[in-house]
Amino acid sequence: MDFGIMFFSSADQQSGHSKYQLLIEAARFADRNGFCCVWTPERHFHQFGGLFPNPALLTAALAMVTRNIQLRAGSLISPLHHTLRLAEEWSVVDNLSGGRVAVSFGSGWNVDDFVLFPERYSRRHTIMYEQIETLKKLWAGERMTQLNSFGKEISVEIYPKPVQKELPVWVTSSGNTETFVSAGRIGANVLTHLIGQNVATLASKIQSYRESLAASGFDPHQGKVSLMLHTHLGSNVDTVKARVRLPFREYLRSAISLEEKAALGGGVISGGHKVDPQEISPDVMEDLLDLTFERYFHHASLMGTPSGCKQLVLELAEIGVNELACLIDFLPDEEAILGSLDYLDELRRAFSAETINHSIAATVNAFVEELD
């Protein structure tokens, strides 16, 4: 199991002139300590995720302060952008990083984000897959025909040329089985989460994904399934719970506010569900936040101690999850987040290939000694 770190903080959690210092310091830590990747999202016009309107810009900054780790957009809402610009921007970042970028594509769900391209909302899923195909071709050096201001066809290619021959591609799924199948159909990896799904339902979707990979001529074992989990670890579970409870509830409140805003705009909420906008009473909201926090803390996150979280990691590995995208920045306490990274690294090392191979070798040697 590989471990990466992910960011998605609410903008109102950060203040002052150092809003991105946590991002930089945590990325440096992950880079030094053998984590596989850093994920930065794309979000617009709302405090939830509001620090991340452009993952290419932030990834360019991370390219300057890291040397080893893969730098991933998670997720890039491609229908909000021109494909040529996406190819150019990420090729620049690929060069800045020495060939370490990867992109998880998302179709978007919040209709208000589509003020950037209002006409694309209804076709956003189709457009995203078309963009992935076009971007791959541009990345490989192919040219693209476009019309200039006078209606004349011109042929364009991107510069600078990227370092990597192929751009590593993920598709983000909020839980729709068809998205897993579609990702397999094009040989992409998958980024998902446990919002609105549990380990059992995720297992069936991963199975559908790997079947789709095989049916489309790809090695079903090569596809990566990356799972986002809210993460904060320490030495004592009660101390961790007391530390994260209120901040995580407020983080959830901000997320619910964004969902309500999307529904009021006439679109779907995350996961593609259409709901009627309705005001949640204060009492119901508090109960909802309490129940949701308890679910996450006990069943759908890496919150607690390294030893206490091992069972969930084992269960996820068993169903075919390859990587954990550890979302660390839902607390407003930068010092506490950075301090918890040593505990996360302890958990990561327990599941690293080197540790597992060493454990297997020790078991074999002990068995041989018993035979002797």
Protein backbone atom coordinates (compact mmCIF):
# COMPACT_ATOMS: atom_id res chain seq x y z
CA MET A 1 0.00 0.00 0.00
CA ASP A 2 1.34 3.41 -0.99
CA PHE A 3 0.55 6.58 0.94
CA GLY A 4 0.19 10.08 -0.44
CA ILE A 5 -1.06 13.32 1.10
CA MET A 6 -3.99 15.39 -0.10
CA PHE A 7 -5.20 18.94 0.51
CA PHE A 8 -8.73 20.36 0.44
CA SER A 9 -9.02 22.81 3.32
CA SER A 10 -11.76 25.36 3.66
CA ALA A 11 -10.40 28.83 2.93
CA ASP A 12 -11.81 30.24 6.16
CA GLN A 13 -9.57 27.86 8.15
CA GLN A 14 -6.46 29.74 7.05
CA SER A 15 -5.60 33.34 7.83
CA GLY A 16 -2.77 35.80 7.42
CA HIS A 17 -0.16 35.76 4.69
CA SER A 18 0.94 32.12 5.00
CA LYS A 19 -2.11 30.33 3.63
CA TYR A 20 0.07 27.92 1.65
CA GLN A 21 2.83 27.31 4.17
CA LEU A 22 1.25 24.08 5.39
CA LEU A 23 1.01 22.82 1.80
CA ILE A 24 4.71 23.50 1.24
CA GLU A 25 5.96 22.11 4.56
CA ALA A 26 3.85 18.95 4.39
CA ALA A 27 4.92 18.34 0.78
CA ARG A 28 8.55 18.66 1.82
CA PHE A 29 7.97 16.14 4.61
CA ALA A 30 6.28 13.70 2.23
CA ASP A 31 9.07 14.15 -0.29
CA ARG A 32 11.76 13.35 2.30
CA ASN A 33 10.00 10.35 3.75
CA GLY A 34 8.99 8.13 0.87
CA PHE A 35 5.37 9.08 0.33
CA CYS A 36 4.19 8.46 -3.22
CA CYS A 37 2.42 11.71 -4.10
CA VAL A 38 0.84 15.04 -3.21
CA TRP A 39 -2.69 15.80 -4.42
CA THR A 40 -4.05 19.33 -4.92
CA PRO A 41 -7.69 19.86 -5.95
CA GLU A 42 -9.62 22.40 -8.01
CA ARG A 43 -12.45 24.35 -6.42
CA HIS A 44 -14.13 27.67 -7.27
CA PHE A 45 -16.20 30.45 -5.71
CA HIS A 46 -16.75 28.96 -2.24
CA GLN A 47 -14.76 28.79 0.98
CA PHE A 48 -14.82 24.97 0.94
CA GLY A 49 -11.63 24.15 -0.95
CA GLY A 50 -11.28 27.84 -1.66
CA LEU A 51 -7.48 27.85 -1.46
CA PHE A 52 -7.28 25.72 -4.61
CA PRO A 53 -8.71 27.40 -7.71
CA ASN A 54 -5.88 26.19 -9.95
CA PRO A 55 -3.91 22.97 -9.25
CA ALA A 56 -1.39 23.71 -12.01
CA LEU A 57 -0.25 26.89 -10.24
CA LEU A 58 0.15 25.18 -6.89
CA THR A 59 1.83 22.14 -8.44
CA ALA A 60 4.35 24.43 -10.12
CA ALA A 61 5.18 25.84 -6.68
CA LEU A 62 5.54 22.33 -5.23
CA ALA A 63 7.82 21.35 -8.11
CA MET A 64 10.30 23.92 -6.81
CA VAL A 65 10.45 22.56 -3.26
CA THR A 66 10.35 18.79 -3.87
CA ARG A 67 12.62 16.34 -5.69
CA ASN A 68 11.11 12.86 -5.63
CA ILE A 69 7.38 12.78 -5.04
CA GLN A 70 4.77 12.62 -7.80
CA LEU A 71 2.71 15.82 -8.04
CA ARG A 72 -0.94 15.17 -8.88
CA ALA A 73 -4.01 17.21 -9.61
CA GLY A 74 -6.86 15.66 -7.71
CA SER A 75 -9.16 16.61 -9.26
CA LEU A 76 -8.71 18.80 -12.31
CA ILE A 77 -12.17 19.86 -13.52
CA SER A 78 -11.25 19.75 -17.20
CA PRO A 79 -14.57 20.93 -18.72
CA LEU A 80 -13.87 24.33 -17.11
CA HIS A 81 -10.77 24.73 -19.30
CA HIS A 82 -9.61 24.72 -22.91
CA THR A 83 -7.78 21.48 -23.64
CA LEU A 84 -4.86 23.24 -25.34
CA ARG A 85 -4.28 25.38 -22.26
CA LEU A 86 -4.41 22.32 -20.02
CA ALA A 87 -1.80 20.58 -22.15
CA GLU A 88 0.47 23.63 -22.15
CA GLU A 89 0.18 24.30 -18.42
CA TRP A 90 0.81 20.74 -17.32
CA SER A 91 3.67 20.34 -19.77
CA VAL A 92 5.32 23.36 -18.15
CA VAL A 93 4.85 21.80 -14.72
CA ASP A 94 6.14 18.47 -16.01
CA ASN A 95 9.32 20.26 -17.06
CA LEU A 96 9.62 22.19 -13.80
CA SER A 97 9.30 18.96 -11.83
CA GLY A 98 11.54 16.83 -14.03
CA GLY A 99 8.67 14.61 -15.17
CA ARG A 100 6.69 14.12 -11.94
CA VAL A 101 3.17 15.31 -12.76
CA ALA A 102 -0.04 13.31 -12.98
CA VAL A 103 -3.66 14.37 -13.34
CA SER A 104 -6.93 13.00 -12.02
CA PHE A 105 -9.69 14.33 -14.25
CA GLY A 106 -13.08 15.25 -12.87
CA SER A 107 -16.16 16.23 -14.82
CA GLY A 108 -17.37 18.66 -12.14
CA TRP A 109 -20.76 18.70 -10.44
CA ASN A 110 -21.36 22.18 -9.04
CA VAL A 111 -23.36 24.05 -11.66
CA ASP A 112 -22.16 27.40 -10.29
CA ASP A 113 -18.57 26.52 -11.22
CA PHE A 114 -19.69 26.40 -14.83
CA VAL A 115 -20.05 30.15 -15.08
CA LEU A 116 -16.65 29.70 -16.75
CA PHE A 117 -18.25 27.55 -19.50
CA PRO A 118 -22.05 27.56 -18.94
CA GLU A 119 -22.83 25.63 -22.11
CA ARG A 120 -20.73 22.65 -21.05
CA TYR A 121 -22.59 21.61 -17.89
CA SER A 122 -25.04 19.20 -19.50
CA ARG A 123 -22.30 17.47 -21.51
CA ARG A 124 -19.54 17.66 -18.91
CA HIS A 125 -18.94 13.89 -18.65
CA THR A 126 -18.62 13.43 -22.42
CA ILE A 127 -16.44 16.52 -22.71
CA MET A 128 -14.07 15.28 -20.00
CA TYR A 129 -13.41 11.98 -21.78
CA GLU A 130 -12.94 13.79 -25.09
CA GLN A 131 -10.44 16.11 -23.39
CA ILE A 132 -8.50 13.19 -21.90
CA GLU A 133 -8.13 11.64 -25.35
CA THR A 134 -7.12 14.94 -26.97
CA LEU A 135 -4.68 15.82 -24.19
CA LYS A 136 -2.97 12.46 -24.51
CA LYS A 137 -2.45 13.09 -28.22
CA LEU A 138 -1.12 16.60 -27.65
CA TRP A 139 1.17 15.27 -24.92
CA ALA A 140 2.57 12.71 -27.38
CA GLY A 141 3.42 15.47 -29.86
CA GLU A 142 0.42 15.30 -32.17
CA ARG A 143 -1.03 18.47 -33.65
CA MET A 144 -4.57 19.82 -33.23
CA THR A 145 -6.62 21.70 -35.83
CA GLN A 146 -8.37 24.87 -34.63
CA LEU A 147 -10.08 27.89 -36.17
CA ASN A 148 -8.46 31.28 -35.80
CA SER A 149 -10.30 34.61 -35.54
CA PHE A 150 -10.99 34.69 -39.29
CA GLY A 151 -12.37 31.17 -39.48
CA LYS A 152 -9.17 29.82 -40.97
CA GLU A 153 -8.04 26.33 -39.95
CA ILE A 154 -4.62 26.24 -38.34
CA SER A 155 -2.62 23.34 -36.95
CA VAL A 156 -1.10 23.78 -33.50
CA GLU A 157 1.10 21.76 -31.15
CA ILE A 158 2.11 22.39 -27.57
CA TYR A 159 5.36 23.81 -26.23
CA PRO A 160 7.36 23.11 -24.21
CA LYS A 161 7.42 19.40 -24.91
CA PRO A 162 6.74 17.41 -21.73
CA VAL A 163 9.39 15.31 -20.05
CA GLN A 164 7.22 12.22 -19.64
CA LYS A 165 6.27 10.35 -22.79
CA GLU A 166 2.80 9.71 -21.35
CA LEU A 167 0.83 11.70 -18.81
CA PRO A 168 -0.28 9.46 -15.91
CA VAL A 169 -4.08 9.76 -15.84
CA TRP A 170 -6.67 9.14 -13.12
CA VAL A 171 -10.43 9.61 -13.31
CA THR A 172 -12.19 10.84 -10.18
CA SER A 173 -15.33 9.00 -9.10
CA SER A 174 -17.68 10.11 -6.33
CA GLY A 175 -19.05 6.58 -6.20
CA ASN A 176 -20.81 6.05 -9.52
CA THR A 177 -20.06 2.52 -10.73
CA GLU A 178 -20.23 3.66 -14.36
CA THR A 179 -17.32 6.04 -13.73
CA PHE A 180 -15.20 3.11 -12.50
CA VAL A 181 -16.16 1.17 -15.63
CA SER A 182 -15.46 4.15 -17.93
CA ALA A 183 -12.06 4.67 -16.32
CA GLY A 184 -11.21 1.04 -16.95
CA ARG A 185 -12.36 1.35 -20.54
CA ILE A 186 -9.68 3.96 -21.28
CA GLY A 187 -6.98 2.39 -19.09
CA ALA A 188 -7.00 5.19 -16.52
CA ASN A 189 -6.44 4.91 -12.79
CA VAL A 190 -9.22 5.83 -10.32
CA LEU A 191 -9.39 8.35 -7.47
CA THR A 192 -12.34 7.92 -5.12
CA HIS A 193 -13.47 8.33 -1.50
CA LEU A 194 -15.77 6.86 1.16
CA ILE A 195 -18.31 9.68 1.05
CA GLY A 196 -21.61 7.98 0.33
CA GLN A 197 -20.09 4.52 0.03
CA ASN A 198 -18.58 1.97 2.42
CA VAL A 199 -15.82 -0.59 2.06
CA ALA A 200 -18.20 -3.33 0.85
CA THR A 201 -19.78 -1.22 -1.90
CA LEU A 202 -16.37 0.11 -2.91
CA ALA A 203 -15.13 -3.47 -3.27
CA SER A 204 -17.80 -4.25 -5.87
CA LYS A 205 -16.95 -1.09 -7.83
CA ILE A 206 -13.25 -1.95 -7.84
CA GLN A 207 -14.16 -5.39 -9.17
CA SER A 208 -16.18 -3.75 -11.97
CA TYR A 209 -13.22 -1.47 -12.70
CA ARG A 210 -10.74 -4.32 -13.03
CA GLU A 211 -13.16 -6.30 -15.19
CA SER A 212 -13.50 -3.26 -17.45
CA LEU A 213 -9.71 -2.93 -17.71
CA ALA A 214 -9.42 -6.58 -18.77
CA ALA A 215 -12.30 -6.34 -21.25
CA SER A 216 -10.63 -3.30 -22.85
CA GLY A 217 -7.27 -5.03 -23.31
CA PHE A 218 -5.47 -3.58 -20.29
CA ASP A 219 -3.76 -5.45 -17.48
CA PRO A 220 -6.39 -5.45 -14.71
CA HIS A 221 -3.68 -5.53 -12.04
CA GLN A 222 -1.91 -2.42 -13.33
CA GLY A 223 -4.76 0.01 -12.71
CA LYS A 224 -4.33 2.00 -9.51
CA VAL A 225 -7.21 2.70 -7.15
CA SER A 226 -6.39 5.70 -4.96
CA LEU A 227 -8.69 6.30 -1.99
CA MET A 228 -9.02 9.61 -0.19
CA LEU A 229 -9.27 9.35 3.60
CA HIS A 230 -9.41 12.19 6.12
CA THR A 231 -6.31 11.70 8.25
CA HIS A 232 -4.97 12.78 11.62
CA LEU A 233 -2.92 10.44 13.80
CA GLY A 234 -1.37 10.65 17.25
CA SER A 235 -0.23 8.55 20.19
CA ASN A 236 -3.59 8.47 22.02
CA VAL A 237 -6.98 7.89 20.38
CA ASP A 238 -8.93 9.96 22.92
CA THR A 239 -6.59 12.90 22.51
CA VAL A 240 -6.88 12.71 18.73
CA LYS A 241 -10.68 12.50 18.89
CA ALA A 242 -10.89 15.53 21.15
CA ARG A 243 -8.57 17.45 18.83
CA VAL A 244 -10.36 16.68 15.56
CA ARG A 245 -14.02 16.60 16.59
CA LEU A 246 -14.94 20.29 16.42
CA PRO A 247 -12.70 21.19 13.44
CA PHE A 248 -13.98 18.21 11.45
CA ARG A 249 -17.59 19.08 12.22
CA GLU A 250 -16.99 22.63 10.95
CA TYR A 251 -15.24 21.22 7.90
CA LEU A 252 -18.32 19.10 7.22
CA ARG A 253 -20.56 22.14 7.76
CA SER A 254 -18.64 24.01 5.07
CA ALA A 255 -18.98 21.04 2.70
CA ILE A 256 -22.75 20.86 3.32
CA SER A 257 -22.99 24.59 2.62
CA LEU A 258 -21.41 24.00 -0.79
CA GLU A 259 -23.86 21.17 -1.51
CA GLU A 260 -26.79 23.43 -0.59
CA LYS A 261 -25.45 26.15 -2.87
CA ALA A 262 -25.19 23.67 -5.76
CA ALA A 263 -28.76 22.50 -5.22
CA LEU A 264 -30.04 26.08 -5.11
CA GLY A 265 -28.26 26.69 -8.42
CA GLY A 266 -30.41 23.99 -10.03
CA GLY A 267 -27.67 21.41 -10.51
CA VAL A 268 -26.70 18.15 -8.87
CA ILE A 269 -24.82 17.66 -5.62
CA SER A 270 -21.57 15.68 -5.42
CA GLY A 271 -21.99 12.14 -6.65
CA GLY A 272 -24.34 13.33 -9.38
CA HIS A 273 -27.48 13.18 -7.22
CA LYS A 274 -30.33 15.56 -7.94
CA VAL A 275 -32.04 16.85 -4.78
CA ASP A 276 -34.56 19.55 -4.01
CA PRO A 277 -32.95 22.48 -2.20
CA GLN A 278 -34.17 22.68 1.36
CA GLU A 279 -33.09 24.47 4.50
CA ILE A 280 -31.75 22.23 7.27
CA SER A 281 -32.89 23.31 10.72
CA PRO A 282 -30.12 24.09 13.26
CA ASP A 283 -31.02 21.14 15.49
CA VAL A 284 -31.07 18.68 12.60
CA MET A 285 -27.78 20.08 11.32
CA GLU A 286 -26.03 19.55 14.66
CA ASP A 287 -27.33 15.97 14.90
CA LEU A 288 -26.25 15.31 11.32
CA LEU A 289 -22.76 16.63 12.02
CA ASP A 290 -22.46 14.49 15.16
CA LEU A 291 -23.57 11.31 13.38
CA THR A 292 -21.34 11.98 10.37
CA PHE A 293 -18.31 12.66 12.55
CA GLU A 294 -18.77 9.40 14.45
CA ARG A 295 -19.09 7.45 11.19
CA TYR A 296 -15.92 8.95 9.78
CA PHE A 297 -13.91 8.64 12.97
CA HIS A 298 -14.68 4.95 13.49
CA HIS A 299 -15.19 3.58 9.99
CA ALA A 300 -14.07 5.85 7.15
CA SER A 301 -10.89 7.72 8.06
CA LEU A 302 -7.37 7.44 9.38
CA MET A 303 -8.11 9.30 12.59
CA GLY A 304 -6.70 7.81 15.77
CA THR A 305 -3.41 5.98 16.30
CA PRO A 306 -1.20 4.16 13.77
CA SER A 307 -1.91 0.79 15.38
CA GLY A 308 -5.63 1.49 15.59
CA CYS A 309 -5.84 2.31 11.87
CA LYS A 310 -3.96 -0.74 10.60
CA GLN A 311 -7.09 -2.89 10.34
CA LEU A 312 -8.81 -0.44 7.99
CA VAL A 313 -5.71 -0.27 5.79
CA LEU A 314 -5.61 -4.07 5.65
CA GLU A 315 -9.30 -4.21 4.68
CA LEU A 316 -8.75 -1.66 1.93
CA ALA A 317 -5.72 -3.51 0.58
CA GLU A 318 -7.80 -6.70 0.55
CA ILE A 319 -10.46 -5.19 -1.72
CA GLY A 320 -7.89 -3.84 -4.18
CA VAL A 321 -7.10 -0.29 -3.04
CA ASN A 322 -3.48 0.47 -4.04
CA GLU A 323 -2.94 3.91 -2.54
CA LEU A 324 -4.30 6.10 0.23
CA ALA A 325 -4.65 9.82 -0.41
CA CYS A 326 -4.44 11.14 3.15
CA LEU A 327 -6.37 14.41 3.42
CA ILE A 328 -4.61 16.17 6.27
CA ASP A 329 -5.63 19.83 6.25
CA PHE A 330 -9.14 19.85 7.71
CA LEU A 331 -7.78 21.18 11.02
CA PRO A 332 -6.96 24.90 11.41
CA ASP A 333 -3.93 24.03 13.59
CA GLU A 334 -0.90 23.89 11.27
CA GLU A 335 1.46 22.83 14.07
CA ALA A 336 -0.79 19.91 15.04
CA ILE A 337 -1.06 18.76 11.42
CA LEU A 338 2.68 18.83 10.85
CA GLY A 339 3.24 17.08 14.19
CA SER A 340 0.87 14.27 13.19
CA LEU A 341 2.85 13.49 10.03
CA ASP A 342 5.43 11.44 11.96
CA TYR A 343 2.61 9.14 13.11
CA LEU A 344 1.30 8.91 9.55
CA ASP A 345 4.79 7.99 8.39
CA GLU A 346 4.86 5.27 11.05
CA LEU A 347 1.68 3.81 9.56
CA ARG A 348 3.06 4.18 6.03
CA ARG A 349 6.25 2.33 6.94
CA ALA A 350 4.23 -0.53 8.42
CA PHE A 351 2.75 -1.12 4.96
CA SER A 352 5.76 -0.33 2.80
CA ALA A 353 7.08 -3.05 0.51
CA GLU A 354 10.40 -3.03 2.35
CA THR A 355 8.74 -3.60 5.73
CA ILE A 356 6.43 -6.31 4.42
CA ASN A 357 9.27 -8.13 2.64
CA HIS A 358 11.38 -7.96 5.79
CA SER A 359 8.47 -9.38 7.82
CA ILE A 360 7.98 -12.23 5.33
CA ALA A 361 11.69 -13.02 5.38
CA ALA A 362 11.73 -13.07 9.18
CA THR A 363 8.74 -15.43 9.24
CA VAL A 364 10.36 -17.78 6.72
CA ASN A 365 13.66 -17.78 8.61
CA ALA A 366 11.88 -18.57 11.88
CA PHE A 367 10.02 -21.44 10.19
CA VAL A 368 13.28 -22.84 8.76
CA GLU A 369 14.94 -22.63 12.16
CA GLU A 370 12.05 -24.61 13.67
CA LEU A 371 12.49 -27.33 11.03
CA ASP A 372 16.20 -27.52 11.77
